[in-house]
Amino acid sequence: MDTRENEISDREKIAKRLKEARIQSGLSQEKASKLMGIQRPTISEIEAGRRKVSAEEIIQFAELYKVNSSWLLLEESQSHDVNFQFAARELEKLDPEDIKKLLDILKILPK
């Protein structure tokens, strides 16, 4: 019984990380499902921890959300990795002048 409880717990943790990664990547369940070629309710079931995720799906999610598959599989702690990846993705969207302005703001923030 204890093994079953750990399995459910791990599935829920993976589900939580998948949802967090999707949200931080700026994708809705609908958009993610279209890009993955699966139905939106499937994403919902996965994120709720009610459906197991295959290794192939983990790889697809990691590529789509631009996170490490090892983080999705609970092999790494979150630390600041996901936040840094999110910030880097957002910075890629800015033009050079806006990046310069942002860096100037960061320089004046208290450390």
Protein backbone atom coordinates (compact mmCIF):
# COMPACT_ATOMS: atom_id res chain seq x y z
CA MET A 1 0.00 0.00 0.00
CA ASP A 2 2.86 2.36 0.81
CA THR A 3 4.31 1.95 -2.70
CA ARG A 4 0.91 2.84 -4.20
CA GLU A 5 0.73 5.99 -2.05
CA ASN A 6 4.22 7.03 -3.20
CA GLU A 7 3.25 6.41 -6.85
CA ILE A 8 0.19 8.63 -6.55
CA SER A 9 2.20 11.25 -4.73
CA ASP A 10 4.89 11.28 -7.43
CA ARG A 11 2.25 11.43 -10.17
CA GLU A 12 0.67 14.43 -8.46
CA LYS A 13 4.07 16.11 -8.14
CA ILE A 14 4.80 15.55 -11.82
CA ALA A 15 1.32 16.85 -12.67
CA LYS A 16 1.98 19.99 -10.64
CA ARG A 17 5.29 20.60 -12.40
CA LEU A 18 3.71 20.09 -15.81
CA LYS A 19 1.01 22.62 -15.01
CA GLU A 20 3.54 25.10 -13.61
CA ALA A 21 5.75 24.75 -16.68
CA ARG A 22 2.79 25.21 -19.02
CA ILE A 23 1.65 28.35 -17.23
CA GLN A 24 5.16 29.81 -17.11
CA SER A 25 5.56 29.12 -20.81
CA GLY A 26 2.45 31.23 -21.40
CA LEU A 27 0.38 28.46 -22.95
CA SER A 28 -3.24 27.59 -22.29
CA GLN A 29 -4.26 23.96 -22.07
CA GLU A 30 -5.96 24.40 -25.44
CA LYS A 31 -2.84 25.78 -27.14
CA ALA A 32 -0.57 23.15 -25.55
CA SER A 33 -2.90 20.35 -26.64
CA LYS A 34 -2.93 21.62 -30.23
CA LEU A 35 0.86 21.88 -30.32
CA MET A 36 1.18 18.37 -28.84
CA GLY A 37 -1.47 16.88 -31.12
CA ILE A 38 -3.62 15.62 -28.24
CA GLN A 39 -7.05 16.52 -26.88
CA ARG A 40 -7.36 19.35 -24.32
CA PRO A 41 -9.07 17.06 -21.76
CA THR A 42 -5.94 14.89 -21.89
CA ILE A 43 -3.84 17.86 -20.70
CA SER A 44 -6.40 18.49 -17.96
CA GLU A 45 -6.30 14.85 -16.82
CA ILE A 46 -2.50 14.86 -16.79
CA GLU A 47 -2.29 18.11 -14.83
CA ALA A 48 -4.83 16.81 -12.33
CA GLY A 49 -2.70 13.72 -11.75
CA ARG A 50 -5.45 11.39 -12.99
CA ARG A 51 -3.52 10.15 -16.02
CA LYS A 52 -0.03 8.73 -16.24
CA VAL A 53 2.41 10.41 -18.60
CA SER A 54 4.58 8.35 -20.93
CA ALA A 55 8.29 8.95 -21.38
CA GLU A 56 7.64 10.20 -24.90
CA GLU A 57 5.08 12.68 -23.60
CA ILE A 58 7.48 13.96 -20.92
CA ILE A 59 10.03 14.65 -23.64
CA GLN A 60 7.41 16.45 -25.76
CA PHE A 61 6.23 18.53 -22.79
CA ALA A 62 9.81 19.43 -21.87
CA GLU A 63 10.54 20.60 -25.40
CA LEU A 64 7.26 22.50 -25.69
CA TYR A 65 7.60 24.20 -22.29
CA LYS A 66 11.38 24.63 -22.61
CA VAL A 67 12.21 22.93 -19.31
CA ASN A 68 14.42 19.98 -18.43
CA SER A 69 12.68 16.63 -18.58
CA SER A 70 14.64 15.64 -15.47
CA TRP A 71 12.96 18.49 -13.58
CA LEU A 72 9.54 17.30 -14.75
CA LEU A 73 10.44 13.81 -13.53
CA LEU A 74 11.36 15.12 -10.04
CA GLU A 75 15.07 14.41 -10.50
CA GLU A 76 15.99 18.05 -9.87
CA SER A 77 14.72 20.51 -7.35
CA GLN A 78 13.06 23.57 -8.78
CA SER A 79 15.36 26.06 -7.12
CA HIS A 80 15.55 29.05 -9.40
CA ASP A 81 16.00 27.05 -12.60
CA VAL A 82 12.43 27.37 -13.85
CA ASN A 83 12.25 31.04 -12.93
CA PHE A 84 15.49 31.74 -14.79
CA GLN A 85 14.27 29.81 -17.82
CA PHE A 86 11.03 31.79 -17.77
CA ALA A 87 12.90 35.09 -17.48
CA ALA A 88 15.21 34.12 -20.34
CA ARG A 89 12.25 33.26 -22.58
CA GLU A 90 10.64 36.61 -21.80
CA LEU A 91 13.89 38.48 -22.42
CA GLU A 92 14.16 36.86 -25.86
CA LYS A 93 10.92 38.61 -26.79
CA LEU A 94 12.28 42.11 -26.04
CA ASP A 95 14.10 44.34 -28.45
CA PRO A 96 17.68 45.42 -27.55
CA GLU A 97 16.62 48.87 -26.33
CA ASP A 98 14.07 47.39 -23.91
CA ILE A 99 16.67 44.92 -22.64
CA LYS A 100 19.05 47.82 -21.95
CA LYS A 101 16.31 49.65 -20.03
CA LEU A 102 15.53 46.55 -18.01
CA LEU A 103 19.20 46.02 -17.15
CA ASP A 104 19.44 49.65 -16.02
CA ILE A 105 16.47 49.08 -13.70
CA LEU A 106 18.05 45.90 -12.31
CA LYS A 107 21.26 47.81 -11.50
CA ILE A 108 19.42 50.20 -9.18
CA LEU A 109 17.45 47.56 -7.28
CA PRO A 110 18.70 46.78 -3.77
CA LYS A 111 20.75 43.64 -3.52
